Amino acid sequence: MSLSASEKKSLRRIAHHLDNVIMVGEQGISEGVIAETNRALDDHELIKVKFALAERDARRAAAAALAEACAAEIVQQIGKVGVLYKANPKADPKLSNVSRFAY
């Protein structure tokens, strides 16, 4: 799955007002974090993840590893916050951030 520049721009606009749903701590990516991220992506499709890691390279590596483990796409990563997207055609419109906030 690869998003075009205009799709990423639209998703960034939607994600701007979202709160962090997942937090990755110093222990890194665990099975529990992957399971919870998958659950959140199934429900919301577009989520923010906070990476509480000190080093920039470690944050980027953790974001890439989490996205790969969840078969998601990194829409944006600024500082300690990353935005992940995974399309779900069967998503509940009341929970999906994409369908609720799409303009």
PDB file of N, CA and C in Angstrom:
ATOM      1  N   MET A   1       0.850  -1.168   0.000  1.00  0.00           N
ATOM      2  CA  MET A   1       0.000   0.000   0.000  1.00  0.00           C
ATOM      3  C   MET A   1       0.894   1.229   0.000  1.00  0.00           C
ATOM      4  N   SER A   2       0.711   2.064  -0.972  1.00  0.00           N
ATOM      5  CA  SER A   2       1.487   3.284  -1.041  1.00  0.00           C
ATOM      6  C   SER A   2       0.536   4.456  -1.275  1.00  0.00           C
ATOM      7  N   LEU A   3       0.671   5.466  -0.454  1.00  0.00           N
ATOM      8  CA  LEU A   3      -0.206   6.627  -0.552  1.00  0.00           C
ATOM      9  C   LEU A   3       0.422   7.691  -1.433  1.00  0.00           C
ATOM     10  N   SER A   4      -0.418   8.384  -2.186  1.00  0.00           N
ATOM     11  CA  SER A   4       0.072   9.498  -2.997  1.00  0.00           C
ATOM     12  C   SER A   4       0.288  10.707  -2.088  1.00  0.00           C
ATOM     13  N   ALA A   5       0.936  11.715  -2.622  1.00  0.00           N
ATOM     14  CA  ALA A   5       1.217  12.930  -1.849  1.00  0.00           C
ATOM     15  C   ALA A   5      -0.082  13.621  -1.436  1.00  0.00           C
ATOM     16  N   SER A   6      -1.068  13.654  -2.317  1.00  0.00           N
ATOM     17  CA  SER A   6      -2.328  14.318  -1.980  1.00  0.00           C
ATOM     18  C   SER A   6      -3.107  13.528  -0.925  1.00  0.00           C
ATOM     19  N   GLU A   7      -3.036  12.197  -0.961  1.00  0.00           N
ATOM     20  CA  GLU A   7      -3.690  11.383   0.070  1.00  0.00           C
ATOM     21  C   GLU A   7      -3.027  11.605   1.425  1.00  0.00           C
ATOM     22  N   LYS A   8      -1.697  11.658   1.433  1.00  0.00           N
ATOM     23  CA  LYS A   8      -0.985  11.914   2.691  1.00  0.00           C
ATOM     24  C   LYS A   8      -1.333  13.289   3.244  1.00  0.00           C
ATOM     25  N   LYS A   9      -1.436  14.263   2.367  1.00  0.00           N
ATOM     26  CA  LYS A   9      -1.782  15.619   2.798  1.00  0.00           C
ATOM     27  C   LYS A   9      -3.160  15.642   3.444  1.00  0.00           C
ATOM     28  N   SER A  10      -4.113  14.965   2.839  1.00  0.00           N
ATOM     29  CA  SER A  10      -5.456  14.892   3.380  1.00  0.00           C
ATOM     30  C   SER A  10      -5.469  14.182   4.733  1.00  0.00           C
ATOM     31  N   LEU A  11      -4.729  13.093   4.847  1.00  0.00           N
ATOM     32  CA  LEU A  11      -4.662  12.357   6.111  1.00  0.00           C
ATOM     33  C   LEU A  11      -3.955  13.163   7.200  1.00  0.00           C
ATOM     34  N   ARG A  12      -2.932  13.924   6.835  1.00  0.00           N
ATOM     35  CA  ARG A  12      -2.257  14.791   7.814  1.00  0.00           C
ATOM     36  C   ARG A  12      -3.217  15.839   8.351  1.00  0.00           C
ATOM     37  N   ARG A  13      -4.067  16.380   7.479  1.00  0.00           N
ATOM     38  CA  ARG A  13      -5.045  17.391   7.894  1.00  0.00           C
ATOM     39  C   ARG A  13      -6.026  16.788   8.895  1.00  0.00           C
ATOM     40  N   ILE A  14      -6.474  15.569   8.646  1.00  0.00           N
ATOM     41  CA  ILE A  14      -7.397  14.896   9.562  1.00  0.00           C
ATOM     42  C   ILE A  14      -6.702  14.587  10.886  1.00  0.00           C
ATOM     43  N   ALA A  15      -5.466  14.125  10.825  1.00  0.00           N
ATOM     44  CA  ALA A  15      -4.739  13.700  12.025  1.00  0.00           C
ATOM     45  C   ALA A  15      -4.311  14.856  12.917  1.00  0.00           C
ATOM     46  N   HIS A  16      -4.277  16.057  12.390  1.00  0.00           N
ATOM     47  CA  HIS A  16      -3.782  17.203  13.148  1.00  0.00           C
ATOM     48  C   HIS A  16      -4.491  17.356  14.495  1.00  0.00           C
ATOM     49  N   HIS A  17      -5.790  17.133  14.530  1.00  0.00           N
ATOM     50  CA  HIS A  17      -6.562  17.358  15.751  1.00  0.00           C
ATOM     51  C   HIS A  17      -6.744  16.109  16.606  1.00  0.00           C
ATOM     52  N   LEU A  18      -6.147  15.006  16.203  1.00  0.00           N
ATOM     53  CA  LEU A  18      -6.278  13.776  16.968  1.00  0.00           C
ATOM     54  C   LEU A  18      -5.312  13.754  18.149  1.00  0.00           C
ATOM     55  N   ASP A  19      -5.691  12.998  19.168  1.00  0.00           N
ATOM     56  CA  ASP A  19      -4.817  12.779  20.319  1.00  0.00           C
ATOM     57  C   ASP A  19      -4.031  11.482  20.109  1.00  0.00           C
ATOM     58  N   ASN A  20      -2.924  11.348  20.837  1.00  0.00           N
ATOM     59  CA  ASN A  20      -2.133  10.118  20.778  1.00  0.00           C
ATOM     60  C   ASN A  20      -2.967   8.966  21.332  1.00  0.00           C
ATOM     61  N   VAL A  21      -2.952   7.838  20.637  1.00  0.00           N
ATOM     62  CA  VAL A  21      -3.703   6.670  21.063  1.00  0.00           C
ATOM     63  C   VAL A  21      -2.768   5.615  21.634  1.00  0.00           C
ATOM     64  N   ILE A  22      -1.574   5.515  21.093  1.00  0.00           N
ATOM     65  CA  ILE A  22      -0.587   4.511  21.491  1.00  0.00           C
ATOM     66  C   ILE A  22       0.677   5.240  21.938  1.00  0.00           C
ATOM     67  N   MET A  23       1.334   4.684  22.966  1.00  0.00           N
ATOM     68  CA  MET A  23       2.607   5.243  23.398  1.00  0.00           C
ATOM     69  C   MET A  23       3.638   4.125  23.443  1.00  0.00           C
ATOM     70  N   VAL A  24       4.749   4.340  22.759  1.00  0.00           N
ATOM     71  CA  VAL A  24       5.856   3.389  22.745  1.00  0.00           C
ATOM     72  C   VAL A  24       6.924   3.928  23.683  1.00  0.00           C
ATOM     73  N   GLY A  25       7.235   3.173  24.726  1.00  0.00           N
ATOM     74  CA  GLY A  25       8.196   3.620  25.723  1.00  0.00           C
ATOM     75  C   GLY A  25       9.601   3.129  25.435  1.00  0.00           C
ATOM     76  N   GLU A  26      10.447   3.229  26.426  1.00  0.00           N
ATOM     77  CA  GLU A  26      11.847   2.850  26.300  1.00  0.00           C
ATOM     78  C   GLU A  26      12.035   1.357  26.003  1.00  0.00           C
ATOM     79  N   GLN A  27      11.042   0.526  26.357  1.00  0.00           N
ATOM     80  CA  GLN A  27      11.137  -0.915  26.097  1.00  0.00           C
ATOM     81  C   GLN A  27      10.961  -1.213  24.617  1.00  0.00           C
ATOM     82  N   GLY A  28      10.441  -0.274  23.856  1.00  0.00           N
ATOM     83  CA  GLY A  28      10.297  -0.447  22.417  1.00  0.00           C
ATOM     84  C   GLY A  28       9.010  -1.141  22.028  1.00  0.00           C
ATOM     85  N   ILE A  29       9.065  -1.798  20.878  1.00  0.00           N
ATOM     86  CA  ILE A  29       7.886  -2.446  20.309  1.00  0.00           C
ATOM     87  C   ILE A  29       7.756  -3.852  20.900  1.00  0.00           C
ATOM     88  N   SER A  30       6.635  -4.112  21.564  1.00  0.00           N
ATOM     89  CA  SER A  30       6.361  -5.437  22.130  1.00  0.00           C
ATOM     90  C   SER A  30       5.131  -6.019  21.447  1.00  0.00           C
ATOM     91  N   GLU A  31       4.843  -7.262  21.744  1.00  0.00           N
ATOM     92  CA  GLU A  31       3.651  -7.907  21.181  1.00  0.00           C
ATOM     93  C   GLU A  31       2.381  -7.184  21.619  1.00  0.00           C
ATOM     94  N   GLY A  32       2.366  -6.702  22.862  1.00  0.00           N
ATOM     95  CA  GLY A  32       1.209  -5.965  23.368  1.00  0.00           C
ATOM     96  C   GLY A  32       0.997  -4.652  22.625  1.00  0.00           C
ATOM     97  N   VAL A  33       2.088  -3.955  22.348  1.00  0.00           N
ATOM     98  CA  VAL A  33       1.996  -2.696  21.602  1.00  0.00           C
ATOM     99  C   VAL A  33       1.500  -2.960  20.186  1.00  0.00           C
ATOM    100  N   ILE A  34       1.992  -4.014  19.564  1.00  0.00           N
ATOM    101  CA  ILE A  34       1.561  -4.351  18.204  1.00  0.00           C
ATOM    102  C   ILE A  34       0.082  -4.734  18.204  1.00  0.00           C
ATOM    103  N   ALA A  35      -0.346  -5.521  19.171  1.00  0.00           N
ATOM    104  CA  ALA A  35      -1.752  -5.934  19.247  1.00  0.00           C
ATOM    105  C   ALA A  35      -2.670  -4.731  19.449  1.00  0.00           C
ATOM    106  N   GLU A  36      -2.292  -3.848  20.343  1.00  0.00           N
ATOM    107  CA  GLU A  36      -3.118  -2.663  20.616  1.00  0.00           C
ATOM    108  C   GLU A  36      -3.127  -1.713  19.422  1.00  0.00           C
ATOM    109  N   THR A  37      -2.014  -1.593  18.740  1.00  0.00           N
ATOM    110  CA  THR A  37      -1.948  -0.755  17.537  1.00  0.00           C
ATOM    111  C   THR A  37      -2.835  -1.326  16.437  1.00  0.00           C
ATOM    112  N   ASN A  38      -2.796  -2.635  16.260  1.00  0.00           N
ATOM    113  CA  ASN A  38      -3.675  -3.273  15.270  1.00  0.00           C
ATOM    114  C   ASN A  38      -5.139  -3.040  15.603  1.00  0.00           C
ATOM    115  N   ARG A  39      -5.493  -3.154  16.877  1.00  0.00           N
ATOM    116  CA  ARG A  39      -6.873  -2.920  17.291  1.00  0.00           C
ATOM    117  C   ARG A  39      -7.287  -1.486  17.007  1.00  0.00           C
ATOM    118  N   ALA A  40      -6.417  -0.539  17.347  1.00  0.00           N
ATOM    119  CA  ALA A  40      -6.718   0.879  17.115  1.00  0.00           C
ATOM    120  C   ALA A  40      -6.826   1.187  15.624  1.00  0.00           C
ATOM    121  N   LEU A  41      -5.944   0.605  14.815  1.00  0.00           N
ATOM    122  CA  LEU A  41      -6.001   0.820  13.370  1.00  0.00           C
ATOM    123  C   LEU A  41      -7.262   0.205  12.768  1.00  0.00           C
ATOM    124  N   ASP A  42      -7.681  -0.954  13.265  1.00  0.00           N
ATOM    125  CA  ASP A  42      -8.909  -1.561  12.773  1.00  0.00           C
ATOM    126  C   ASP A  42     -10.121  -0.683  13.085  1.00  0.00           C
ATOM    127  N   ASP A  43     -10.132  -0.089  14.269  1.00  0.00           N
ATOM    128  CA  ASP A  43     -11.260   0.766  14.665  1.00  0.00           C
ATOM    129  C   ASP A  43     -11.206   2.140  14.009  1.00  0.00           C
ATOM    130  N   HIS A  44     -10.043   2.784  14.043  1.00  0.00           N
ATOM    131  CA  HIS A  44      -9.935   4.197  13.677  1.00  0.00           C
ATOM    132  C   HIS A  44      -9.290   4.464  12.323  1.00  0.00           C
ATOM    133  N   GLU A  45      -8.563   3.526  11.789  1.00  0.00           N
ATOM    134  CA  GLU A  45      -7.846   3.622  10.519  1.00  0.00           C
ATOM    135  C   GLU A  45      -6.677   4.604  10.550  1.00  0.00           C
ATOM    136  N   LEU A  46      -6.804   5.724  11.210  1.00  0.00           N
ATOM    137  CA  LEU A  46      -5.769   6.757  11.273  1.00  0.00           C
ATOM    138  C   LEU A  46      -5.531   7.081  12.742  1.00  0.00           C
ATOM    139  N   ILE A  47      -4.297   6.873  13.214  1.00  0.00           N
ATOM    140  CA  ILE A  47      -3.999   7.096  14.628  1.00  0.00           C
ATOM    141  C   ILE A  47      -2.676   7.830  14.793  1.00  0.00           C
ATOM    142  N   LYS A  48      -2.532   8.453  15.960  1.00  0.00           N
ATOM    143  CA  LYS A  48      -1.263   9.060  16.346  1.00  0.00           C
ATOM    144  C   LYS A  48      -0.588   8.157  17.373  1.00  0.00           C
ATOM    145  N   VAL A  49       0.722   8.035  17.237  1.00  0.00           N
ATOM    146  CA  VAL A  49       1.523   7.223  18.157  1.00  0.00           C
ATOM    147  C   VAL A  49       2.635   8.103  18.707  1.00  0.00           C
ATOM    148  N   LYS A  50       2.809   8.090  20.020  1.00  0.00           N
ATOM    149  CA  LYS A  50       3.900   8.839  20.638  1.00  0.00           C
ATOM    150  C   LYS A  50       5.050   7.884  20.936  1.00  0.00           C
ATOM    151  N   PHE A  51       6.223   8.254  20.486  1.00  0.00           N
ATOM    152  CA  PHE A  51       7.432   7.460  20.705  1.00  0.00           C
ATOM    153  C   PHE A  51       8.278   8.161  21.765  1.00  0.00           C
ATOM    154  N   ALA A  52       8.261   7.639  22.982  1.00  0.00           N
ATOM    155  CA  ALA A  52       8.983   8.247  24.098  1.00  0.00           C
ATOM    156  C   ALA A  52      10.420   7.716  24.134  1.00  0.00           C
ATOM    157  N   LEU A  53      11.129   7.900  23.052  1.00  0.00           N
ATOM    158  CA  LEU A  53      12.516   7.472  22.937  1.00  0.00           C
ATOM    159  C   LEU A  53      13.382   8.717  22.766  1.00  0.00           C
ATOM    160  N   ALA A  54      14.574   8.695  23.329  1.00  0.00           N
ATOM    161  CA  ALA A  54      15.418   9.883  23.334  1.00  0.00           C
ATOM    162  C   ALA A  54      16.042  10.194  21.974  1.00  0.00           C
ATOM    163  N   GLU A  55      16.481   9.182  21.273  1.00  0.00           N
ATOM    164  CA  GLU A  55      17.221   9.384  20.030  1.00  0.00           C
ATOM    165  C   GLU A  55      16.296   9.441  18.810  1.00  0.00           C
ATOM    166  N   ARG A  56      16.571  10.354  17.917  1.00  0.00           N
ATOM    167  CA  ARG A  56      15.780  10.520  16.699  1.00  0.00           C
ATOM    168  C   ARG A  56      15.789   9.256  15.840  1.00  0.00           C
ATOM    169  N   ASP A  57      16.971   8.665  15.668  1.00  0.00           N
ATOM    170  CA  ASP A  57      17.074   7.451  14.855  1.00  0.00           C
ATOM    171  C   ASP A  57      16.295   6.295  15.466  1.00  0.00           C
ATOM    172  N   ALA A  58      16.284   6.210  16.791  1.00  0.00           N
ATOM    173  CA  ALA A  58      15.529   5.154  17.472  1.00  0.00           C
ATOM    174  C   ALA A  58      14.031   5.350  17.268  1.00  0.00           C
ATOM    175  N   ARG A  59      13.577   6.608  17.284  1.00  0.00           N
ATOM    176  CA  ARG A  59      12.155   6.889  17.039  1.00  0.00           C
ATOM    177  C   ARG A  59      11.760   6.511  15.621  1.00  0.00           C
ATOM    178  N   ARG A  60      12.597   6.861  14.654  1.00  0.00           N
ATOM    179  CA  ARG A  60      12.303   6.520  13.255  1.00  0.00           C
ATOM    180  C   ARG A  60      12.298   5.003  13.042  1.00  0.00           C
ATOM    181  N   ALA A  61      13.246   4.317  13.662  1.00  0.00           N
ATOM    182  CA  ALA A  61      13.314   2.857  13.533  1.00  0.00           C
ATOM    183  C   ALA A  61      12.102   2.197  14.190  1.00  0.00           C
ATOM    184  N   ALA A  62      11.695   2.709  15.350  1.00  0.00           N
ATOM    185  CA  ALA A  62      10.529   2.157  16.040  1.00  0.00           C
ATOM    186  C   ALA A  62       9.263   2.389  15.231  1.00  0.00           C
ATOM    187  N   ALA A  63       9.136   3.567  14.632  1.00  0.00           N
ATOM    188  CA  ALA A  63       7.964   3.861  13.800  1.00  0.00           C
ATOM    189  C   ALA A  63       7.921   2.943  12.587  1.00  0.00           C
ATOM    190  N   ALA A  64       9.061   2.742  11.956  1.00  0.00           N
ATOM    191  CA  ALA A  64       9.118   1.859  10.793  1.00  0.00           C
ATOM    192  C   ALA A  64       8.800   0.415  11.183  1.00  0.00           C
ATOM    193  N   ALA A  65       9.324  -0.032  12.315  1.00  0.00           N
ATOM    194  CA  ALA A  65       9.075  -1.399  12.776  1.00  0.00           C
ATOM    195  C   ALA A  65       7.606  -1.603  13.133  1.00  0.00           C
ATOM    196  N   LEU A  66       7.005  -0.631  13.786  1.00  0.00           N
ATOM    197  CA  LEU A  66       5.594  -0.733  14.158  1.00  0.00           C
ATOM    198  C   LEU A  66       4.707  -0.719  12.917  1.00  0.00           C
ATOM    199  N   ALA A  67       5.013   0.155  11.981  1.00  0.00           N
ATOM    200  CA  ALA A  67       4.227   0.215  10.745  1.00  0.00           C
ATOM    201  C   ALA A  67       4.339  -1.101   9.973  1.00  0.00           C
ATOM    202  N   GLU A  68       5.532  -1.650   9.911  1.00  0.00           N
ATOM    203  CA  GLU A  68       5.725  -2.915   9.195  1.00  0.00           C
ATOM    204  C   GLU A  68       5.004  -4.063   9.896  1.00  0.00           C
ATOM    205  N   ALA A  69       5.073  -4.103  11.225  1.00  0.00           N
ATOM    206  CA  ALA A  69       4.424  -5.170  11.981  1.00  0.00           C
ATOM    207  C   ALA A  69       2.904  -5.113  11.853  1.00  0.00           C
ATOM    208  N   CYS A  70       2.364  -3.929  11.646  1.00  0.00           N
ATOM    209  CA  CYS A  70       0.909  -3.752  11.554  1.00  0.00           C
ATOM    210  C   CYS A  70       0.430  -3.623  10.110  1.00  0.00           C
ATOM    211  N   ALA A  71       1.327  -3.713   9.146  1.00  0.00           N
ATOM    212  CA  ALA A  71       0.998  -3.528   7.730  1.00  0.00           C
ATOM    213  C   ALA A  71       0.332  -2.174   7.510  1.00  0.00           C
ATOM    214  N   ALA A  72       0.875  -1.160   8.159  1.00  0.00           N
ATOM    215  CA  ALA A  72       0.339   0.194   8.063  1.00  0.00           C
ATOM    216  C   ALA A  72       1.334   1.085   7.325  1.00  0.00           C
ATOM    217  N   GLU A  73       0.894   2.283   7.032  1.00  0.00           N
ATOM    218  CA  GLU A  73       1.726   3.257   6.333  1.00  0.00           C
ATOM    219  C   GLU A  73       2.003   4.431   7.269  1.00  0.00           C
ATOM    220  N   ILE A  74       3.244   4.904   7.293  1.00  0.00           N
ATOM    221  CA  ILE A  74       3.575   6.102   8.064  1.00  0.00           C
ATOM    222  C   ILE A  74       3.171   7.300   7.220  1.00  0.00           C
ATOM    223  N   VAL A  75       2.230   8.080   7.733  1.00  0.00           N
ATOM    224  CA  VAL A  75       1.761   9.264   7.023  1.00  0.00           C
ATOM    225  C   VAL A  75       2.676  10.439   7.323  1.00  0.00           C
ATOM    226  N   GLN A  76       3.086  10.542   8.585  1.00  0.00           N
ATOM    227  CA  GLN A  76       3.907  11.675   9.007  1.00  0.00           C
ATOM    228  C   GLN A  76       4.617  11.312  10.303  1.00  0.00           C
ATOM    229  N   GLN A  77       5.796  11.880  10.494  1.00  0.00           N
ATOM    230  CA  GLN A  77       6.489  11.743  11.766  1.00  0.00           C
ATOM    231  C   GLN A  77       7.201  13.048  12.056  1.00  0.00           C
ATOM    232  N   ILE A  78       6.776  13.692  13.122  1.00  0.00           N
ATOM    233  CA  ILE A  78       7.382  14.948  13.552  1.00  0.00           C
ATOM    234  C   ILE A  78       7.753  14.797  15.020  1.00  0.00           C
ATOM    235  N   GLY A  79       9.021  14.941  15.310  1.00  0.00           N
ATOM    236  CA  GLY A  79       9.477  14.814  16.690  1.00  0.00           C
ATOM    237  C   GLY A  79       9.165  13.443  17.241  1.00  0.00           C
ATOM    238  N   LYS A  80       8.446  13.405  18.359  1.00  0.00           N
ATOM    239  CA  LYS A  80       8.137  12.132  19.014  1.00  0.00           C
ATOM    240  C   LYS A  80       6.771  11.577  18.622  1.00  0.00           C
ATOM    241  N   VAL A  81       6.099  12.214  17.679  1.00  0.00           N
ATOM    242  CA  VAL A  81       4.755  11.784  17.294  1.00  0.00           C
ATOM    243  C   VAL A  81       4.745  11.315  15.845  1.00  0.00           C
ATOM    244  N   GLY A  82       4.162  10.144  15.645  1.00  0.00           N
ATOM    245  CA  GLY A  82       4.001   9.613  14.304  1.00  0.00           C
ATOM    246  C   GLY A  82       2.532   9.359  14.020  1.00  0.00           C
ATOM    247  N   VAL A  83       2.163   9.428  12.751  1.00  0.00           N
ATOM    248  CA  VAL A  83       0.793   9.169  12.328  1.00  0.00           C
ATOM    249  C   VAL A  83       0.810   7.931  11.437  1.00  0.00           C
ATOM    250  N   LEU A  84       0.007   6.927  11.812  1.00  0.00           N
ATOM    251  CA  LEU A  84      -0.085   5.689  11.052  1.00  0.00           C
ATOM    252  C   LEU A  84      -1.470   5.568  10.430  1.00  0.00           C
ATOM    253  N   TYR A  85      -1.507   4.972   9.231  1.00  0.00           N
ATOM    254  CA  TYR A  85      -2.770   4.765   8.523  1.00  0.00           C
ATOM    255  C   TYR A  85      -2.828   3.347   7.981  1.00  0.00           C
ATOM    256  N   LYS A  86      -3.987   2.728   8.162  1.00  0.00           N
ATOM    257  CA  LYS A  86      -4.242   1.411   7.584  1.00  0.00           C
ATOM    258  C   LYS A  86      -5.716   1.379   7.191  1.00  0.00           C
ATOM    259  N   ALA A  87      -5.977   1.274   5.906  1.00  0.00           N
ATOM    260  CA  ALA A  87      -7.349   1.273   5.414  1.00  0.00           C
ATOM    261  C   ALA A  87      -8.086   0.032   5.898  1.00  0.00           C
ATOM    262  N   ASN A  88      -9.344   0.223   6.282  1.00  0.00           N
ATOM    263  CA  ASN A  88     -10.212  -0.866   6.703  1.00  0.00           C
ATOM    264  C   ASN A  88     -11.566  -0.657   6.032  1.00  0.00           C
ATOM    265  N   PRO A  89     -11.855  -1.414   4.983  1.00  0.00           N
ATOM    266  CA  PRO A  89     -13.121  -1.217   4.275  1.00  0.00           C
ATOM    267  C   PRO A  89     -14.349  -1.527   5.129  1.00  0.00           C
ATOM    268  N   LYS A  90     -14.173  -2.297   6.209  1.00  0.00           N
ATOM    269  CA  LYS A  90     -15.302  -2.651   7.079  1.00  0.00           C
ATOM    270  C   LYS A  90     -15.315  -1.821   8.362  1.00  0.00           C
ATOM    271  N   ALA A  91     -14.632  -0.696   8.379  1.00  0.00           N
ATOM    272  CA  ALA A  91     -14.544   0.132   9.581  1.00  0.00           C
ATOM    273  C   ALA A  91     -15.900   0.738   9.923  1.00  0.00           C
ATOM    274  N   ASP A  92     -16.168   0.835  11.200  1.00  0.00           N
ATOM    275  CA  ASP A  92     -17.389   1.473  11.683  1.00  0.00           C
ATOM    276  C   ASP A  92     -17.284   2.976  11.414  1.00  0.00           C
ATOM    277  N   PRO A  93     -18.226   3.562  10.660  1.00  0.00           N
ATOM    278  CA  PRO A  93     -18.135   4.997  10.337  1.00  0.00           C
ATOM    279  C   PRO A  93     -18.171   5.897  11.574  1.00  0.00           C
ATOM    280  N   LYS A  94     -18.705   5.392  12.673  1.00  0.00           N
ATOM    281  CA  LYS A  94     -18.753   6.198  13.894  1.00  0.00           C
ATOM    282  C   LYS A  94     -17.404   6.222  14.613  1.00  0.00           C
ATOM    283  N   LEU A  95     -16.558   5.227  14.353  1.00  0.00           N
ATOM    284  CA  LEU A  95     -15.242   5.154  14.992  1.00  0.00           C
ATOM    285  C   LEU A  95     -14.112   5.610  14.080  1.00  0.00           C
ATOM    286  N   SER A  96     -14.268   5.426  12.791  1.00  0.00           N
ATOM    287  CA  SER A  96     -13.195   5.720  11.839  1.00  0.00           C
ATOM    288  C   SER A  96     -12.915   7.225  11.771  1.00  0.00           C
ATOM    289  N   ASN A  97     -11.680   7.590  12.048  1.00  0.00           N
ATOM    290  CA  ASN A  97     -11.299   8.998  11.955  1.00  0.00           C
ATOM    291  C   ASN A  97     -11.351   9.496  10.523  1.00  0.00           C
ATOM    292  N   VAL A  98     -11.095   8.623   9.572  1.00  0.00           N
ATOM    293  CA  VAL A  98     -11.070   9.020   8.164  1.00  0.00           C
ATOM    294  C   VAL A  98     -12.476   9.377   7.695  1.00  0.00           C
ATOM    295  N   SER A  99     -13.459   8.545   8.004  1.00  0.00           N
ATOM    296  CA  SER A  99     -14.820   8.833   7.540  1.00  0.00           C
ATOM    297  C   SER A  99     -15.500   9.911   8.374  1.00  0.00           C
ATOM    298  N   ARG A 100     -15.159  10.017   9.649  1.00  0.00           N
ATOM    299  CA  ARG A 100     -15.779  11.035  10.499  1.00  0.00           C
ATOM    300  C   ARG A 100     -15.297  12.434  10.181  1.00  0.00           C
ATOM    301  N   PHE A 101     -14.030  12.580   9.824  1.00  0.00           N
ATOM    302  CA  PHE A 101     -13.458  13.913   9.648  1.00  0.00           C
ATOM    303  C   PHE A 101     -13.128  14.257   8.207  1.00  0.00           C
ATOM    304  N   ALA A 102     -13.423  13.374   7.270  1.00  0.00           N
ATOM    305  CA  ALA A 102     -13.139  13.663   5.857  1.00  0.00           C
ATOM    306  C   ALA A 102     -13.994  14.835   5.399  1.00  0.00           C
ATOM    307  N   TYR A 103     -13.391  15.770   4.713  1.00  0.00           N
ATOM    308  CA  TYR A 103     -14.121  16.945   4.252  1.00  0.00           C
ATOM    309  C   TYR A 103     -14.499  16.724   2.812  1.00  0.00           C
TER     310      TYR A 103
END
